[in-house]
C-alpha atoms as a PDB file:
ATOM      1  CA  MET A   1      64.573 -78.081 -37.750  1.00  0.00           C
ATOM      2  CA  ARG A   2      66.658 -77.244 -40.820  1.00  0.00           C
ATOM      3  CA  ILE A   3      65.486 -74.931 -43.602  1.00  0.00           C
ATOM      4  CA  ARG A   4      66.604 -75.261 -47.178  1.00  0.00           C
ATOM      5  CA  LEU A   5      65.481 -73.840 -50.510  1.00  0.00           C
ATOM      6  CA  LEU A   6      64.468 -76.390 -53.108  1.00  0.00           C
ATOM      7  CA  PRO A   7      63.731 -75.931 -56.803  1.00  0.00           C
ATOM      8  CA  ALA A   8      60.089 -75.925 -57.860  1.00  0.00           C
ATOM      9  CA  GLY A   9      58.423 -79.301 -58.034  1.00  0.00           C
ATOM     10  CA  THR A  10      60.724 -80.984 -55.494  1.00  0.00           C
ATOM     11  CA  GLY A  11      60.186 -81.873 -51.879  1.00  0.00           C
ATOM     12  CA  GLY A  12      56.428 -81.703 -51.778  1.00  0.00           C
ATOM     13  CA  GLN A  13      53.443 -80.819 -53.862  1.00  0.00           C
ATOM     14  CA  GLY A  14      54.186 -79.423 -57.310  1.00  0.00           C
ATOM     15  CA  SER A  15      54.293 -75.667 -57.627  1.00  0.00           C
ATOM     16  CA  SER A  16      55.260 -73.089 -60.204  1.00  0.00           C
ATOM     17  CA  ASN A  17      57.371 -71.328 -57.592  1.00  0.00           C
ATOM     18  CA  PRO A  18      60.990 -70.826 -58.664  1.00  0.00           C
ATOM     19  CA  LEU A  19      62.233 -71.535 -55.143  1.00  0.00           C
ATOM     20  CA  CYS A  20      60.395 -72.595 -52.037  1.00  0.00           C
ATOM     21  CA  PRO A  21      61.603 -72.878 -48.436  1.00  0.00           C
ATOM     22  CA  THR A  22      61.052 -76.376 -47.152  1.00  0.00           C
ATOM     23  CA  GLU A  23      61.308 -77.875 -43.687  1.00  0.00           C
ATOM     24  CA  VAL A  24      63.402 -81.053 -43.506  1.00  0.00           C
ATOM     25  CA  SER A  25      62.811 -83.245 -40.461  1.00  0.00           C
ATOM     26  CA  ALA A  26      65.985 -84.436 -38.788  1.00  0.00           C
ATOM     27  CA  GLY A  27      66.862 -87.974 -39.872  1.00  0.00           C
ATOM     28  CA  HIS A  28      64.062 -88.159 -42.400  1.00  0.00           C
ATOM     29  CA  SER A  29      63.959 -87.666 -46.141  1.00  0.00           C
ATOM     30  CA  THR A  30      60.453 -86.208 -46.123  1.00  0.00           C
ATOM     31  CA  THR A  31      59.908 -82.504 -46.590  1.00  0.00           C
ATOM     32  CA  ARG A  32      57.069 -80.101 -45.931  1.00  0.00           C
ATOM     33  CA  ARG A  33      56.410 -76.853 -47.752  1.00  0.00           C
ATOM     34  CA  LEU A  34      56.137 -73.797 -45.540  1.00  0.00           C
ATOM     35  CA  ALA A  35      53.806 -71.820 -47.809  1.00  0.00           C
ATOM     36  CA  PRO A  36      50.682 -72.483 -49.872  1.00  0.00           C
ATOM     37  CA  SER A  37      51.125 -74.271 -53.189  1.00  0.00           C
ATOM     38  CA  GLY A  38      51.014 -71.975 -56.187  1.00  0.00           C
ATOM     39  CA  GLY A  39      52.069 -68.850 -54.265  1.00  0.00           C
ATOM     40  CA  LEU A  40      55.370 -67.289 -53.399  1.00  0.00           C
ATOM     41  CA  CYS A  41      56.916 -69.129 -50.494  1.00  0.00           C
ATOM     42  CA  TYR A  42      57.113 -66.760 -47.566  1.00  0.00           C
ATOM     43  CA  SER A  43      56.100 -67.907 -44.112  1.00  0.00           C
ATOM     44  CA  GLY A  44      57.238 -68.480 -40.546  1.00  0.00           C
ATOM     45  CA  PHE A  45      60.749 -69.349 -41.672  1.00  0.00           C
ATOM     46  CA  MET A  46      61.329 -65.613 -42.099  1.00  0.00           C
ATOM     47  CA  ARG A  47      61.336 -65.272 -38.323  1.00  0.00           C
ATOM     48  CA  VAL A  48      64.574 -67.270 -38.099  1.00  0.00           C
ATOM     49  CA  PRO A  49      67.347 -64.688 -37.443  1.00  0.00           C
ATOM     50  CA  GLY A  50      69.557 -64.085 -40.467  1.00  0.00           C
ATOM     51  CA  ILE A  51      67.375 -66.145 -42.793  1.00  0.00           C
ATOM     52  CA  ARG A  52      64.925 -63.345 -43.635  1.00  0.00           C
ATOM     53  CA  ILE A  53      67.390 -61.121 -45.504  1.00  0.00           C
ATOM     54  CA  LEU A  54      68.930 -64.035 -47.397  1.00  0.00           C
ATOM     55  CA  SER A  55      65.480 -65.314 -48.313  1.00  0.00           C
ATOM     56  CA  LEU A  56      64.324 -61.907 -49.527  1.00  0.00           C
ATOM     57  CA  LEU A  57      67.359 -61.691 -51.777  1.00  0.00           C
ATOM     58  CA  VAL A  58      66.764 -65.167 -53.185  1.00  0.00           C
ATOM     59  CA  LEU A  59      63.084 -64.430 -53.796  1.00  0.00           C
ATOM     60  CA  ALA A  60      63.898 -61.076 -55.408  1.00  0.00           C
ATOM     61  CA  ALA A  61      66.314 -62.757 -57.793  1.00  0.00           C
ATOM     62  CA  ALA A  62      63.694 -65.359 -58.634  1.00  0.00           C
ATOM     63  CA  GLY A  63      61.137 -62.636 -59.340  1.00  0.00           C
ATOM     64  CA  ALA A  64      63.549 -60.688 -61.530  1.00  0.00           C
ATOM     65  CA  ALA A  65      64.413 -63.807 -63.501  1.00  0.00           C
ATOM     66  CA  GLY A  66      60.812 -64.384 -64.566  1.00  0.00           C
ATOM     67  CA  GLY A  67      59.947 -63.000 -67.994  1.00  0.00           C
ATOM     68  CA  ALA A  68      56.324 -63.971 -68.474  1.00  0.00           C
ATOM     69  CA  ASP A  69      55.165 -63.189 -64.957  1.00  0.00           C
ATOM     70  CA  PHE A  70      52.077 -61.201 -65.972  1.00  0.00           C
ATOM     71  CA  VAL A  71      48.824 -62.553 -64.582  1.00  0.00           C
ATOM     72  CA  GLY A  72      46.316 -60.056 -66.005  1.00  0.00           C
ATOM     73  CA  PRO A  73      44.093 -57.382 -64.426  1.00  0.00           C
ATOM     74  CA  ASP A  74      41.395 -59.838 -63.348  1.00  0.00           C
ATOM     75  CA  SER A  75      43.901 -61.136 -60.782  1.00  0.00           C
ATOM     76  CA  CYS A  76      44.049 -57.652 -59.239  1.00  0.00           C
ATOM     77  CA  LYS A  77      40.291 -57.130 -59.196  1.00  0.00           C
ATOM     78  CA  GLY A  78      39.542 -59.240 -56.102  1.00  0.00           C
ATOM     79  CA  CYS A  79      41.583 -57.102 -53.701  1.00  0.00           C
ATOM     80  CA  HIS A  80      41.435 -53.807 -55.609  1.00  0.00           C
ATOM     81  CA  PRO A  81      37.872 -53.500 -56.970  1.00  0.00           C
ATOM     82  CA  GLU A  82      37.830 -49.688 -57.005  1.00  0.00           C
ATOM     83  CA  ALA A  83      41.163 -49.515 -58.797  1.00  0.00           C
ATOM     84  CA  TYR A  84      39.966 -52.113 -61.306  1.00  0.00           C
ATOM     85  CA  ASP A  85      36.730 -50.208 -61.996  1.00  0.00           C
ATOM     86  CA  ALA A  86      38.644 -46.942 -62.490  1.00  0.00           C
ATOM     87  CA  TRP A  87      41.071 -48.689 -64.837  1.00  0.00           C
ATOM     88  CA  MET A  88      38.166 -50.167 -66.847  1.00  0.00           C
ATOM     89  CA  GLN A  89      36.871 -46.618 -67.434  1.00  0.00           C
ATOM     90  CA  SER A  90      40.290 -45.357 -68.558  1.00  0.00           C
ATOM     91  CA  LYS A  91      41.862 -45.090 -71.998  1.00  0.00           C
ATOM     92  CA  HIS A  92      44.534 -47.524 -70.838  1.00  0.00           C
ATOM     93  CA  ALA A  93      41.939 -50.318 -70.726  1.00  0.00           C
ATOM     94  CA  ARG A  94      41.150 -49.682 -74.400  1.00  0.00           C
ATOM     95  CA  ALA A  95      44.650 -48.801 -75.617  1.00  0.00           C
ATOM     96  CA  GLU A  96      45.035 -51.750 -77.994  1.00  0.00           C
ATOM     97  CA  SER A  97      41.516 -51.480 -79.411  1.00  0.00           C
ATOM     98  CA  SER A  98      42.180 -47.831 -80.345  1.00  0.00           C
ATOM     99  CA  LEU A  99      44.691 -49.021 -82.961  1.00  0.00           C
ATOM    100  CA  THR A 100      43.844 -49.774 -86.579  1.00  0.00           C
ATOM    101  CA  ASP A 101      44.311 -53.336 -87.845  1.00  0.00           C
ATOM    102  CA  GLN A 102      47.571 -52.293 -89.472  1.00  0.00           C
ATOM    103  CA  GLN A 103      48.832 -50.612 -86.288  1.00  0.00           C
ATOM    104  CA  LYS A 104      48.033 -53.772 -84.305  1.00  0.00           C
ATOM    105  CA  LYS A 105      50.705 -55.525 -86.366  1.00  0.00           C
ATOM    106  CA  ASP A 106      53.269 -52.788 -85.802  1.00  0.00           C
ATOM    107  CA  GLY A 107      55.595 -53.466 -82.865  1.00  0.00           C
ATOM    108  CA  ARG A 108      56.275 -49.755 -82.450  1.00  0.00           C
ATOM    109  CA  CYS A 109      52.590 -49.151 -81.717  1.00  0.00           C
ATOM    110  CA  LEU A 110      52.116 -52.254 -79.587  1.00  0.00           C
ATOM    111  CA  SER A 111      55.141 -51.417 -77.442  1.00  0.00           C
ATOM    112  CA  CYS A 112      52.992 -48.736 -75.797  1.00  0.00           C
ATOM    113  CA  HIS A 113      49.408 -49.722 -76.593  1.00  0.00           C
ATOM    114  CA  SER A 114      49.722 -53.348 -75.463  1.00  0.00           C
ATOM    115  CA  PRO A 115      53.281 -53.954 -74.231  1.00  0.00           C
ATOM    116  CA  GLU A 116      52.639 -57.143 -72.268  1.00  0.00           C
ATOM    117  CA  GLN A 117      50.386 -58.878 -74.797  1.00  0.00           C
ATOM    118  CA  VAL A 118      51.341 -62.466 -74.067  1.00  0.00           C
ATOM    119  CA  THR A 119      47.754 -63.656 -73.761  1.00  0.00           C
ATOM    120  CA  GLN A 120      44.342 -62.072 -74.231  1.00  0.00           C
ATOM    121  CA  ALA A 121      44.297 -61.456 -70.453  1.00  0.00           C
ATOM    122  CA  THR A 122      47.249 -59.068 -70.715  1.00  0.00           C
ATOM    123  CA  VAL A 123      46.118 -57.076 -73.744  1.00  0.00           C
ATOM    124  CA  ASN A 124      46.027 -53.234 -73.457  1.00  0.00           C
ATOM    125  CA  VAL A 125      47.845 -51.122 -70.859  1.00  0.00           C
ATOM    126  CA  THR A 126      47.031 -53.040 -67.691  1.00  0.00           C
ATOM    127  CA  CYS A 127      47.802 -52.772 -63.991  1.00  0.00           C
ATOM    128  CA  GLU A 128      51.023 -54.694 -64.547  1.00  0.00           C
ATOM    129  CA  THR A 129      52.235 -52.451 -67.358  1.00  0.00           C
ATOM    130  CA  CYS A 130      52.770 -49.803 -64.700  1.00  0.00           C
ATOM    131  CA  HIS A 131      53.122 -51.898 -61.528  1.00  0.00           C
ATOM    132  CA  GLY A 132      55.217 -54.805 -62.861  1.00  0.00           C
ATOM    133  CA  GLY A 133      54.323 -58.454 -63.454  1.00  0.00           C
ATOM    134  CA  GLY A 134      52.319 -59.744 -60.511  1.00  0.00           C
ATOM    135  CA  GLN A 135      53.009 -63.464 -60.458  1.00  0.00           C
ATOM    136  CA  TYR A 136      55.201 -63.205 -57.375  1.00  0.00           C
ATOM    137  CA  TYR A 137      53.708 -60.228 -55.537  1.00  0.00           C
ATOM    138  CA  SER A 138      49.981 -60.811 -56.127  1.00  0.00           C
ATOM    139  CA  PRO A 139      49.356 -63.394 -53.359  1.00  0.00           C
ATOM    140  CA  GLU A 140      47.652 -61.580 -50.476  1.00  0.00           C
ATOM    141  CA  TYR A 141      50.228 -62.629 -47.892  1.00  0.00           C
ATOM    142  CA  VAL A 142      52.997 -61.100 -50.035  1.00  0.00           C
ATOM    143  CA  MET A 143      51.082 -57.865 -50.664  1.00  0.00           C
ATOM    144  CA  LYS A 144      50.737 -57.418 -46.898  1.00  0.00           C
ATOM    145  CA  ASP A 145      54.533 -57.090 -46.708  1.00  0.00           C
ATOM    146  CA  SER A 146      55.296 -54.044 -48.861  1.00  0.00           C
ATOM    147  CA  GLU A 147      59.046 -54.637 -48.642  1.00  0.00           C
ATOM    148  CA  LEU A 148      58.747 -58.174 -49.946  1.00  0.00           C
ATOM    149  CA  ALA A 149      56.215 -57.194 -52.627  1.00  0.00           C
ATOM    150  CA  ARG A 150      58.617 -54.602 -54.031  1.00  0.00           C
ATOM    151  CA  LEU A 151      61.536 -56.999 -53.865  1.00  0.00           C
ATOM    152  CA  VAL A 152      59.694 -59.546 -56.005  1.00  0.00           C
ATOM    153  CA  GLY A 153      58.408 -57.178 -58.662  1.00  0.00           C
ATOM    154  CA  LEU A 154      55.861 -54.617 -57.445  1.00  0.00           C
ATOM    155  CA  VAL A 155      56.713 -51.257 -59.016  1.00  0.00           C
ATOM    156  CA  ASP A 156      55.778 -47.782 -57.785  1.00  0.00           C
ATOM    157  CA  PRO A 157      55.339 -46.019 -61.151  1.00  0.00           C
ATOM    158  CA  SER A 158      57.233 -42.804 -61.791  1.00  0.00           C
ATOM    159  CA  GLU A 159      56.842 -39.904 -64.196  1.00  0.00           C
ATOM    160  CA  LYS A 160      59.822 -41.252 -66.121  1.00  0.00           C
ATOM    161  CA  GLN A 161      58.004 -44.540 -66.610  1.00  0.00           C
ATOM    162  CA  CYS A 162      54.920 -42.746 -67.974  1.00  0.00           C
ATOM    163  CA  ARG A 163      57.056 -40.667 -70.313  1.00  0.00           C
ATOM    164  CA  SER A 164      58.567 -43.807 -71.816  1.00  0.00           C
ATOM    165  CA  CYS A 165      55.376 -43.893 -73.923  1.00  0.00           C
ATOM    166  CA  HIS A 166      53.971 -40.398 -73.502  1.00  0.00           C
ATOM    167  CA  ASP A 167      56.947 -38.662 -75.097  1.00  0.00           C
ATOM    168  CA  ALA A 168      57.781 -36.393 -78.021  1.00  0.00           C
ATOM    169  CA  SER A 169      57.733 -39.306 -80.487  1.00  0.00           C
ATOM    170  CA  SER A 170      54.144 -40.201 -79.540  1.00  0.00           C
ATOM    171  CA  PRO A 171      51.703 -39.549 -82.402  1.00  0.00           C
ATOM    172  CA  SER A 172      49.429 -37.608 -80.032  1.00  0.00           C
ATOM    173  CA  LEU A 173      48.892 -34.030 -81.126  1.00  0.00           C
ATOM    174  CA  ARG A 174      48.439 -32.856 -77.545  1.00  0.00           C
ATOM    175  CA  PRO A 175      51.503 -32.350 -75.322  1.00  0.00           C
ATOM    176  CA  PHE A 176      51.678 -34.698 -72.334  1.00  0.00           C
ATOM    177  CA  ASP A 177      50.870 -33.021 -69.023  1.00  0.00           C
ATOM    178  CA  PHE A 178      51.947 -35.487 -66.331  1.00  0.00           C
ATOM    179  CA  LYS A 179      50.004 -33.961 -63.417  1.00  0.00           C
ATOM    180  CA  GLU A 180      46.756 -33.667 -65.361  1.00  0.00           C
ATOM    181  CA  SER A 181      47.152 -37.142 -66.825  1.00  0.00           C
ATOM    182  CA  LEU A 182      47.699 -38.581 -63.367  1.00  0.00           C
ATOM    183  CA  LYS A 183      44.344 -37.153 -62.269  1.00  0.00           C
ATOM    184  CA  ALA A 184      42.705 -38.782 -65.290  1.00  0.00           C
ATOM    185  CA  ILE A 185      43.859 -42.249 -64.236  1.00  0.00           C
ATOM    186  CA  ASP A 186      43.278 -41.837 -60.483  1.00  0.00           C
ATOM    187  CA  HIS A 187      42.528 -45.380 -59.345  1.00  0.00           C
ATOM    188  CA  TRP A 188      43.697 -45.112 -55.754  1.00  0.00           C
ATOM    189  CA  SER A 189      41.549 -42.423 -54.045  1.00  0.00           C
ATOM    190  CA  ALA A 190      38.352 -44.495 -53.790  1.00  0.00           C
ATOM    191  CA  GLU A 191      40.258 -47.512 -52.489  1.00  0.00           C
ATOM    192  CA  ARG A 192      42.116 -45.486 -49.872  1.00  0.00           C
ATOM    193  CA  ALA A 193      38.819 -43.948 -48.728  1.00  0.00           C
ATOM    194  CA  ARG A 194      37.273 -47.422 -48.346  1.00  0.00           C
ATOM    195  CA  ARG A 195      40.241 -48.670 -46.323  1.00  0.00           C
ATOM    196  CA  ALA A 196      40.157 -45.611 -44.080  1.00  0.00           C
ATOM    197  CA  ALA A 197      36.443 -46.134 -43.421  1.00  0.00           C
ATOM    198  CA  ASP A 198      36.816 -49.882 -42.808  1.00  0.00           C
ATOM    199  CA  PRO A 199      40.159 -50.936 -41.267  1.00  0.00           C
ATOM    200  CA  SER A 200      39.121 -54.601 -41.549  1.00  0.00           C
ATOM    201  CA  ALA A 201      38.809 -54.277 -45.348  1.00  0.00           C
ATOM    202  CA  LYS A 202      41.260 -56.195 -47.523  1.00  0.00           C
ATOM    203  CA  LYS A 203      44.541 -54.385 -47.958  1.00  0.00           C
END
Protein backbone atom coordinates (compact mmCIF):
# COMPACT_ATOMS: atom_id res chain seq x y z
CA MET A 1 0.00 0.00 0.00
CA ARG A 2 1.24 3.49 -0.87
CA ILE A 3 0.06 6.65 0.88
CA ARG A 4 -0.08 10.02 -0.79
CA LEU A 5 -1.65 13.38 0.01
CA LEU A 6 -4.10 14.68 -2.55
CA PRO A 7 -5.71 18.10 -2.84
CA ALA A 8 -9.32 18.42 -1.73
CA GLY A 9 -11.90 17.09 -4.14
CA THR A 10 -9.58 14.57 -5.83
CA GLY A 11 -9.27 10.84 -5.45
CA GLY A 12 -12.60 10.14 -3.84
CA GLN A 13 -15.65 11.82 -2.47
CA GLY A 14 -15.57 15.62 -2.44
CA SER A 15 -14.44 17.25 0.76
CA SER A 16 -13.54 20.70 1.99
CA ASN A 17 -10.32 19.31 3.44
CA PRO A 18 -7.20 21.12 2.22
CA LEU A 19 -5.26 17.86 2.06
CA CYS A 20 -6.33 14.30 2.65
CA PRO A 21 -4.26 11.11 2.90
CA THR A 22 -5.44 8.60 0.35
CA GLU A 23 -4.64 4.94 -0.15
CA VAL A 24 -3.65 4.02 -3.72
CA SER A 25 -3.95 0.35 -4.62
CA ALA A 26 -0.94 -1.04 -6.44
CA GLY A 27 -1.53 -1.13 -10.20
CA HIS A 28 -4.87 0.62 -9.97
CA SER A 29 -5.91 4.21 -10.49
CA THR A 30 -8.65 4.08 -7.86
CA THR A 31 -8.16 5.72 -4.49
CA ARG A 32 -9.82 5.45 -1.11
CA ARG A 33 -9.97 8.15 1.53
CA LEU A 34 -8.65 7.15 4.93
CA ALA A 35 -10.83 9.51 6.97
CA PRO A 36 -14.47 10.61 7.02
CA SER A 37 -15.58 13.10 4.39
CA GLY A 38 -15.87 16.64 5.66
CA GLY A 39 -13.41 16.17 8.54
CA LEU A 40 -9.69 16.52 8.90
CA CYS A 41 -7.99 13.48 7.45
CA TYR A 42 -6.23 11.67 10.25
CA SER A 43 -6.48 7.91 10.54
CA GLY A 44 -4.58 4.64 10.55
CA PHE A 45 -1.99 6.00 8.14
CA MET A 46 -0.46 7.81 11.12
CA ARG A 47 0.76 4.47 12.42
CA VAL A 48 3.16 4.14 9.48
CA PRO A 49 6.65 4.95 10.89
CA GLY A 50 7.95 8.33 9.77
CA ILE A 51 4.66 9.35 8.16
CA ARG A 52 3.04 10.67 11.35
CA ILE A 53 5.39 13.62 11.88
CA LEU A 54 5.36 14.60 8.21
CA SER A 55 1.57 14.37 8.15
CA LEU A 56 1.19 16.48 11.28
CA LEU A 57 3.35 19.17 9.72
CA VAL A 58 1.35 19.13 6.50
CA LEU A 59 -1.95 19.29 8.39
CA ALA A 60 -0.67 22.10 10.62
CA ALA A 61 0.31 24.13 7.57
CA ALA A 62 -3.09 23.51 6.04
CA GLY A 63 -4.80 24.66 9.24
CA ALA A 64 -2.67 27.79 9.46
CA ALA A 65 -3.40 28.65 5.85
CA GLY A 66 -7.16 28.78 6.43
CA GLY A 67 -8.53 32.26 7.07
CA ALA A 68 -12.25 31.71 7.46
CA ASP A 69 -12.03 28.55 9.53
CA PHE A 70 -14.53 29.62 12.20
CA VAL A 71 -17.48 27.29 12.61
CA GLY A 72 -19.42 29.02 15.40
CA PRO A 73 -20.17 28.12 19.03
CA ASP A 74 -23.04 25.78 18.17
CA SER A 75 -20.40 23.41 16.75
CA CYS A 76 -18.77 23.25 20.19
CA LYS A 77 -22.00 22.72 22.09
CA GLY A 78 -22.41 19.00 21.33
CA CYS A 79 -19.21 17.92 23.09
CA HIS A 80 -18.91 20.81 25.55
CA PRO A 81 -22.45 21.52 26.82
CA GLU A 82 -21.35 22.90 30.20
CA ALA A 83 -18.80 25.20 28.61
CA TYR A 84 -21.40 26.37 26.10
CA ASP A 85 -23.97 27.10 28.83
CA ALA A 86 -21.39 29.05 30.86
CA TRP A 87 -20.41 31.02 27.77
CA MET A 88 -24.08 31.82 27.03
CA GLN A 89 -24.35 33.38 30.51
CA SER A 90 -21.20 35.47 30.03
CA LYS A 91 -20.71 39.01 28.75
CA HIS A 92 -18.68 37.57 25.89
CA ALA A 93 -21.84 36.01 24.43
CA ARG A 94 -23.44 39.47 24.32
CA ALA A 95 -20.36 41.52 23.44
CA GLU A 96 -21.60 42.73 20.05
CA SER A 97 -25.13 43.50 21.25
CA SER A 98 -23.70 45.76 23.98
CA LEU A 99 -22.55 48.20 21.28
CA THR A 100 -24.60 51.10 19.97
CA ASP A 101 -25.63 51.09 16.30
CA GLN A 102 -22.83 53.54 15.55
CA GLN A 103 -20.25 51.43 17.40
CA LYS A 104 -21.34 48.35 15.44
CA LYS A 105 -20.06 50.11 12.32
CA ASP A 106 -16.74 51.02 13.92
CA GLY A 107 -13.97 48.50 13.21
CA ARG A 108 -12.11 49.55 16.35
CA CYS A 109 -15.06 48.43 18.48
CA LEU A 110 -15.80 45.29 16.48
CA SER A 111 -12.17 44.16 16.64
CA CYS A 112 -12.83 43.21 20.27
CA HIS A 113 -16.61 42.95 20.55
CA SER A 114 -17.09 40.69 17.52
CA PRO A 115 -13.68 39.98 15.96
CA GLU A 116 -14.65 36.94 13.90
CA GLN A 117 -17.96 38.24 12.55
CA VAL A 118 -17.96 36.48 9.20
CA THR A 119 -21.48 35.13 9.60
CA GLN A 120 -24.24 35.51 12.17
CA ALA A 121 -22.98 32.25 13.74
CA THR A 122 -19.66 33.86 14.66
CA VAL A 123 -20.98 37.15 16.05
CA ASN A 124 -19.81 38.22 19.56
CA VAL A 125 -16.77 36.91 21.43
CA THR A 126 -17.15 33.18 20.89
CA CYS A 127 -15.28 30.01 21.82
CA GLU A 128 -13.11 30.42 18.74
CA THR A 129 -12.16 34.02 19.52
CA CYS A 130 -10.09 32.61 22.37
CA HIS A 131 -9.47 29.02 21.22
CA GLY A 132 -8.84 29.59 17.49
CA GLY A 133 -10.93 28.69 14.44
CA GLY A 134 -12.27 25.17 14.85
CA GLN A 135 -12.75 23.93 11.30
CA TYR A 136 -9.78 21.59 11.52
CA TYR A 137 -9.69 20.68 15.21
CA SER A 138 -13.42 20.35 15.96
CA PRO A 139 -13.96 16.78 14.65
CA GLU A 140 -14.11 14.47 17.67
CA TYR A 141 -11.33 12.19 16.45
CA VAL A 142 -8.98 15.19 16.18
CA MET A 143 -9.93 16.57 19.60
CA LYS A 144 -9.00 13.21 21.13
CA ASP A 145 -5.41 13.83 20.03
CA SER A 146 -4.43 17.02 21.86
CA GLU A 147 -1.14 17.29 19.97
CA LEU A 148 -2.86 17.18 16.60
CA ALA A 149 -5.65 19.53 17.72
CA ARG A 150 -3.10 22.17 18.73
CA LEU A 151 -1.13 21.70 15.54
CA VAL A 152 -4.20 22.43 13.41
CA GLY A 153 -5.43 25.47 15.29
CA LEU A 154 -6.61 24.80 18.86
CA VAL A 155 -5.28 27.58 21.09
CA ASP A 156 -4.72 27.51 24.85
CA PRO A 157 -5.58 31.15 25.68
CA SER A 158 -3.08 33.21 27.64
CA GLU A 159 -3.26 36.37 29.71
CA LYS A 160 -1.53 38.20 26.87
CA GLN A 161 -4.32 37.16 24.52
CA CYS A 162 -6.97 38.49 26.93
CA ARG A 163 -5.10 41.76 27.33
CA SER A 164 -5.11 42.30 23.57
CA CYS A 165 -8.65 43.63 24.15
CA HIS A 166 -8.75 44.23 27.89
CA ASP A 167 -6.00 46.84 27.87
CA ALA A 168 -5.41 50.47 28.79
CA SER A 169 -7.06 51.70 25.57
CA SER A 170 -10.31 49.87 26.40
CA PRO A 171 -13.16 52.29 27.14
CA SER A 172 -13.95 50.39 30.36
CA LEU A 173 -13.67 52.56 33.44
CA ARG A 174 -12.68 49.61 35.60
CA PRO A 175 -9.09 48.30 35.48
CA PHE A 176 -8.77 44.75 34.13
CA ASP A 177 -8.02 42.16 36.80
CA PHE A 178 -7.00 39.01 34.92
CA LYS A 179 -7.44 36.53 37.79
CA GLU A 180 -10.87 37.83 38.77
CA SER A 181 -11.99 38.02 35.15
CA LEU A 182 -10.91 34.43 34.59
CA LYS A 183 -13.20 33.33 37.42
CA ALA A 184 -16.07 35.23 35.80
CA ILE A 185 -15.76 33.25 32.57
CA ASP A 186 -15.06 29.84 34.16
CA HIS A 187 -16.47 27.41 31.61
CA TRP A 188 -14.28 24.42 32.35
CA SER A 189 -14.91 23.41 36.01
CA ALA A 190 -18.36 21.87 35.46
CA GLU A 191 -17.16 19.95 32.41
CA ARG A 192 -14.10 18.60 34.19
CA ALA A 193 -16.29 17.50 37.11
CA ARG A 194 -18.62 15.65 34.73
CA ARG A 195 -15.71 13.88 33.03
CA ALA A 196 -14.21 12.89 36.37
CA ALA A 197 -17.54 11.43 37.49
CA ASP A 198 -18.15 9.61 34.19
CA PRO A 199 -14.99 8.42 32.40
CA SER A 200 -17.12 7.20 29.47
CA ALA A 201 -18.42 10.75 28.87
CA LYS A 202 -17.41 12.51 25.66
CA LYS A 203 -14.02 14.14 25.90
